[in-house]
């Protein structure tokens, strides 16, 4: 890092990484809160998944919430891995 001393470089690097992690956390929190508020205001008589999770958390979380959360997580990770694999493959081929 240009213009830093050897003792201040790790602190600067850690501050940069932490700031991006805090920003990602705040963005995720804001999007989740927004999803809940929009669902709550526009659902009418239909119980959407965010409202189901909210009401289940107040009563006690049933296993279905954990199952759906796991399914969504596994699908997201699978899509990400496949996308990264295809990008890596394209770089090797040179497309």
N, C-alpha and C. Protein backbone atom coordinates (compact mmCIF):
# COMPACT_ATOMS: atom_id res chain seq x y z
N UNK A 1 0.84 -1.17 0.00
CA UNK A 1 0.00 0.00 0.00
C UNK A 1 0.89 1.24 0.00
N UNK A 2 0.62 2.09 -0.88
CA UNK A 2 1.44 3.27 -1.05
C UNK A 2 1.23 4.26 0.08
N UNK A 3 2.35 4.72 0.66
CA UNK A 3 2.28 5.76 1.67
C UNK A 3 1.95 5.28 3.07
N UNK A 4 2.04 4.00 3.33
CA UNK A 4 1.76 3.50 4.67
C UNK A 4 3.02 2.88 5.25
N UNK A 5 3.07 2.89 6.55
CA UNK A 5 4.18 2.23 7.23
C UNK A 5 3.84 0.76 7.39
N UNK A 6 4.85 -0.08 7.62
CA UNK A 6 4.57 -1.51 7.80
C UNK A 6 3.64 -1.81 8.97
N UNK A 7 3.66 -0.97 9.98
CA UNK A 7 2.79 -1.23 11.13
C UNK A 7 1.35 -0.77 10.90
N UNK A 8 1.14 0.19 10.00
CA UNK A 8 -0.22 0.67 9.77
C UNK A 8 -0.91 -0.04 8.60
N UNK A 9 -0.18 -0.78 7.79
CA UNK A 9 -0.77 -1.46 6.64
C UNK A 9 -1.82 -2.49 7.05
N UNK A 10 -1.56 -3.36 8.03
CA UNK A 10 -2.60 -4.32 8.42
C UNK A 10 -3.87 -3.64 8.95
N UNK A 11 -3.72 -2.55 9.67
CA UNK A 11 -4.87 -1.84 10.19
C UNK A 11 -5.71 -1.26 9.04
N UNK A 12 -5.04 -0.69 8.05
CA UNK A 12 -5.74 -0.15 6.89
C UNK A 12 -6.46 -1.25 6.12
N UNK A 13 -5.80 -2.37 5.93
CA UNK A 13 -6.41 -3.49 5.21
C UNK A 13 -7.62 -4.02 5.96
N UNK A 14 -7.49 -4.17 7.26
CA UNK A 14 -8.60 -4.66 8.08
C UNK A 14 -9.76 -3.68 8.05
N UNK A 15 -9.48 -2.40 8.10
CA UNK A 15 -10.55 -1.39 8.07
C UNK A 15 -11.29 -1.43 6.74
N UNK A 16 -10.58 -1.63 5.64
CA UNK A 16 -11.23 -1.71 4.33
C UNK A 16 -12.12 -2.94 4.25
N UNK A 17 -11.63 -4.07 4.73
CA UNK A 17 -12.43 -5.30 4.67
C UNK A 17 -13.63 -5.22 5.60
N UNK A 18 -13.44 -4.68 6.78
CA UNK A 18 -14.57 -4.57 7.70
C UNK A 18 -15.63 -3.61 7.18
N UNK A 19 -15.21 -2.53 6.55
CA UNK A 19 -16.19 -1.57 6.05
C UNK A 19 -17.05 -2.19 4.95
N UNK A 20 -16.46 -3.02 4.09
CA UNK A 20 -17.27 -3.67 3.05
C UNK A 20 -18.20 -4.71 3.67
N UNK A 21 -17.75 -5.40 4.71
CA UNK A 21 -18.62 -6.38 5.38
C UNK A 21 -19.78 -5.70 6.09
N UNK A 22 -19.51 -4.58 6.73
CA UNK A 22 -20.58 -3.84 7.40
C UNK A 22 -21.58 -3.32 6.37
N UNK A 23 -21.08 -2.84 5.25
CA UNK A 23 -21.97 -2.35 4.19
C UNK A 23 -22.84 -3.48 3.65
N UNK A 24 -22.26 -4.67 3.46
CA UNK A 24 -23.04 -5.82 2.97
C UNK A 24 -24.09 -6.22 3.98
N UNK A 25 -23.74 -6.21 5.27
CA UNK A 25 -24.71 -6.55 6.31
C UNK A 25 -25.86 -5.56 6.32
N UNK A 26 -25.55 -4.27 6.25
CA UNK A 26 -26.60 -3.25 6.27
C UNK A 26 -27.50 -3.34 5.04
N UNK A 27 -26.91 -3.63 3.88
CA UNK A 27 -27.71 -3.78 2.67
C UNK A 27 -28.64 -4.98 2.78
N UNK A 28 -28.12 -6.11 3.28
CA UNK A 28 -28.96 -7.29 3.46
C UNK A 28 -30.08 -7.04 4.45
N UNK A 29 -29.77 -6.35 5.54
CA UNK A 29 -30.79 -6.04 6.54
C UNK A 29 -31.86 -5.13 5.95
N UNK A 30 -31.44 -4.12 5.21
CA UNK A 30 -32.40 -3.18 4.61
C UNK A 30 -33.30 -3.87 3.61
N UNK A 31 -32.74 -4.76 2.80
CA UNK A 31 -33.56 -5.47 1.81
C UNK A 31 -34.53 -6.43 2.49
N UNK A 32 -34.11 -7.10 3.55
CA UNK A 32 -35.00 -8.01 4.28
C UNK A 32 -36.13 -7.23 4.94
N UNK A 33 -35.79 -6.13 5.55
CA UNK A 33 -36.81 -5.31 6.19
C UNK A 33 -37.78 -4.76 5.16
N UNK A 34 -37.26 -4.34 4.02
CA UNK A 34 -38.11 -3.82 2.96
C UNK A 34 -39.06 -4.92 2.45
N UNK A 35 -38.54 -6.13 2.29
CA UNK A 35 -39.37 -7.24 1.83
C UNK A 35 -40.51 -7.51 2.82
N UNK A 36 -40.19 -7.48 4.10
CA UNK A 36 -41.23 -7.71 5.10
C UNK A 36 -42.27 -6.59 5.09
N UNK A 37 -41.84 -5.35 5.04
CA UNK A 37 -42.77 -4.22 5.09
C UNK A 37 -43.67 -4.23 3.86
N UNK A 38 -43.11 -4.43 2.68
CA UNK A 38 -43.91 -4.46 1.46
C UNK A 38 -44.90 -5.62 1.51
N UNK A 39 -44.46 -6.79 1.97
CA UNK A 39 -45.36 -7.94 2.08
C UNK A 39 -46.47 -7.66 3.08
N UNK A 40 -46.12 -7.04 4.18
CA UNK A 40 -47.10 -6.76 5.21
C UNK A 40 -48.16 -5.77 4.73
N UNK A 41 -47.75 -4.78 3.95
CA UNK A 41 -48.68 -3.75 3.51
C UNK A 41 -49.51 -4.16 2.30
N UNK A 42 -49.02 -5.10 1.50
CA UNK A 42 -49.72 -5.42 0.25
C UNK A 42 -50.31 -6.82 0.20
N UNK A 43 -50.18 -7.61 1.26
CA UNK A 43 -50.58 -9.02 1.17
C UNK A 43 -52.09 -9.21 1.21
N UNK A 44 -52.81 -8.36 1.88
CA UNK A 44 -54.25 -8.56 2.01
C UNK A 44 -54.52 -9.76 2.90
N UNK A 45 -55.33 -10.70 2.40
CA UNK A 45 -55.64 -11.89 3.19
C UNK A 45 -54.68 -13.04 2.93
N UNK A 46 -53.83 -12.90 1.94
CA UNK A 46 -52.87 -13.96 1.60
C UNK A 46 -51.68 -13.87 2.55
N UNK A 47 -51.24 -15.03 3.03
CA UNK A 47 -50.07 -15.05 3.91
C UNK A 47 -48.84 -15.39 3.07
N UNK A 48 -47.98 -14.39 2.85
CA UNK A 48 -46.76 -14.59 2.08
C UNK A 48 -45.70 -15.23 2.97
N UNK A 49 -44.60 -15.68 2.36
CA UNK A 49 -43.55 -16.35 3.12
C UNK A 49 -42.93 -15.45 4.20
N UNK A 50 -42.59 -14.17 3.91
CA UNK A 50 -42.05 -13.34 4.99
C UNK A 50 -43.02 -13.17 6.16
N UNK A 51 -44.31 -13.06 5.88
CA UNK A 51 -45.29 -12.95 6.97
C UNK A 51 -45.43 -14.26 7.72
N UNK A 52 -45.31 -15.39 7.00
CA UNK A 52 -45.35 -16.69 7.66
C UNK A 52 -44.18 -16.85 8.63
N UNK A 53 -42.99 -16.45 8.19
CA UNK A 53 -41.81 -16.54 9.05
C UNK A 53 -41.97 -15.62 10.25
N UNK A 54 -42.50 -14.41 10.04
CA UNK A 54 -42.69 -13.46 11.14
C UNK A 54 -43.67 -14.01 12.17
N UNK A 55 -44.79 -14.53 11.71
CA UNK A 55 -45.77 -15.06 12.66
C UNK A 55 -45.26 -16.33 13.33
N UNK A 56 -44.49 -17.12 12.60
CA UNK A 56 -43.93 -18.34 13.19
C UNK A 56 -42.88 -18.00 14.25
N UNK A 57 -42.13 -16.94 14.04
CA UNK A 57 -41.12 -16.54 15.02
C UNK A 57 -41.77 -16.08 16.32
N UNK A 58 -42.95 -15.49 16.21
CA UNK A 58 -43.64 -15.04 17.43
C UNK A 58 -44.23 -16.22 18.19
N UNK A 59 -44.68 -17.27 17.48
CA UNK A 59 -45.29 -18.44 18.12
C UNK A 59 -44.27 -19.52 18.45
N UNK A 60 -43.24 -19.61 17.71
CA UNK A 60 -42.28 -20.71 17.79
C UNK A 60 -42.08 -21.22 16.38
N UNK A 61 -40.84 -21.35 15.96
CA UNK A 61 -40.56 -21.64 14.56
C UNK A 61 -40.81 -23.12 14.27
N UNK A 62 -41.72 -23.41 13.31
CA UNK A 62 -41.96 -24.81 12.93
C UNK A 62 -40.85 -25.31 12.00
N UNK A 63 -40.72 -26.61 11.86
CA UNK A 63 -39.65 -27.16 11.01
C UNK A 63 -39.75 -26.75 9.54
N UNK A 64 -40.95 -26.43 9.08
CA UNK A 64 -41.10 -26.05 7.67
C UNK A 64 -40.29 -24.81 7.32
N UNK A 65 -40.18 -23.89 8.25
CA UNK A 65 -39.40 -22.67 7.99
C UNK A 65 -37.93 -23.03 7.80
N UNK A 66 -37.42 -23.92 8.63
CA UNK A 66 -36.03 -24.34 8.49
C UNK A 66 -35.81 -25.10 7.18
N UNK A 67 -36.78 -25.91 6.79
CA UNK A 67 -36.66 -26.66 5.54
C UNK A 67 -36.61 -25.71 4.35
N UNK A 68 -37.54 -24.76 4.30
CA UNK A 68 -37.55 -23.81 3.19
C UNK A 68 -36.30 -22.93 3.18
N UNK A 69 -35.85 -22.53 4.36
CA UNK A 69 -34.62 -21.75 4.43
C UNK A 69 -33.43 -22.52 3.90
N UNK A 70 -33.36 -23.81 4.25
CA UNK A 70 -32.27 -24.65 3.77
C UNK A 70 -32.36 -24.84 2.26
N UNK A 71 -33.55 -25.06 1.74
CA UNK A 71 -33.73 -25.25 0.30
C UNK A 71 -33.30 -23.98 -0.45
N UNK A 72 -33.73 -22.84 0.02
CA UNK A 72 -33.36 -21.57 -0.64
C UNK A 72 -31.85 -21.36 -0.58
N UNK A 73 -31.25 -21.66 0.56
CA UNK A 73 -29.80 -21.49 0.72
C UNK A 73 -29.03 -22.42 -0.22
N UNK A 74 -29.43 -23.69 -0.27
CA UNK A 74 -28.73 -24.67 -1.12
C UNK A 74 -28.88 -24.31 -2.59
N UNK A 75 -30.07 -23.90 -2.99
CA UNK A 75 -30.26 -23.50 -4.39
C UNK A 75 -29.41 -22.28 -4.75
N UNK A 76 -29.34 -21.32 -3.86
CA UNK A 76 -28.54 -20.12 -4.11
C UNK A 76 -27.06 -20.47 -4.24
N UNK A 77 -26.57 -21.29 -3.32
CA UNK A 77 -25.15 -21.68 -3.37
C UNK A 77 -24.87 -22.50 -4.63
N UNK A 78 -25.79 -23.38 -5.00
CA UNK A 78 -25.61 -24.19 -6.21
C UNK A 78 -25.54 -23.32 -7.46
N UNK A 79 -26.43 -22.35 -7.57
CA UNK A 79 -26.41 -21.45 -8.73
C UNK A 79 -25.12 -20.65 -8.76
N UNK A 80 -24.67 -20.18 -7.60
CA UNK A 80 -23.42 -19.41 -7.55
C UNK A 80 -22.23 -20.26 -7.97
N UNK A 81 -22.16 -21.50 -7.48
CA UNK A 81 -21.05 -22.39 -7.83
C UNK A 81 -21.07 -22.70 -9.32
N UNK A 82 -22.24 -22.99 -9.88
CA UNK A 82 -22.33 -23.27 -11.31
C UNK A 82 -21.92 -22.05 -12.14
N UNK A 83 -22.33 -20.87 -11.71
CA UNK A 83 -21.95 -19.66 -12.43
C UNK A 83 -20.44 -19.45 -12.38
N UNK A 84 -19.84 -19.60 -11.20
CA UNK A 84 -18.39 -19.44 -11.08
C UNK A 84 -17.65 -20.50 -11.88
N UNK A 85 -18.16 -21.72 -11.88
CA UNK A 85 -17.54 -22.79 -12.66
C UNK A 85 -17.59 -22.47 -14.15
N UNK A 86 -18.73 -21.96 -14.63
CA UNK A 86 -18.84 -21.63 -16.05
C UNK A 86 -17.92 -20.46 -16.42
N UNK A 87 -17.76 -19.50 -15.52
CA UNK A 87 -16.83 -18.39 -15.78
C UNK A 87 -15.39 -18.90 -15.87
N UNK A 88 -15.03 -19.78 -14.95
CA UNK A 88 -13.67 -20.33 -14.95
C UNK A 88 -13.41 -21.14 -16.21
N UNK A 89 -14.42 -21.88 -16.64
CA UNK A 89 -14.29 -22.69 -17.85
C UNK A 89 -14.14 -21.81 -19.08
N UNK A 90 -14.88 -20.69 -19.12
CA UNK A 90 -14.77 -19.78 -20.26
C UNK A 90 -13.39 -19.14 -20.34
N UNK A 91 -12.82 -18.83 -19.17
CA UNK A 91 -11.47 -18.23 -19.17
C UNK A 91 -10.44 -19.19 -19.70
N UNK A 92 -10.58 -20.48 -19.35
CA UNK A 92 -9.63 -21.49 -19.85
C UNK A 92 -9.74 -21.66 -21.34
N UNK A 93 -10.99 -21.65 -21.84
CA UNK A 93 -11.21 -21.83 -23.27
C UNK A 93 -10.82 -20.57 -24.04
N UNK A 94 -11.04 -19.43 -23.41
CA UNK A 94 -10.69 -18.16 -24.05
C UNK A 94 -11.83 -17.53 -24.80
N UNK A 95 -13.04 -17.79 -24.38
CA UNK A 95 -14.22 -17.20 -25.05
C UNK A 95 -14.39 -15.79 -24.58
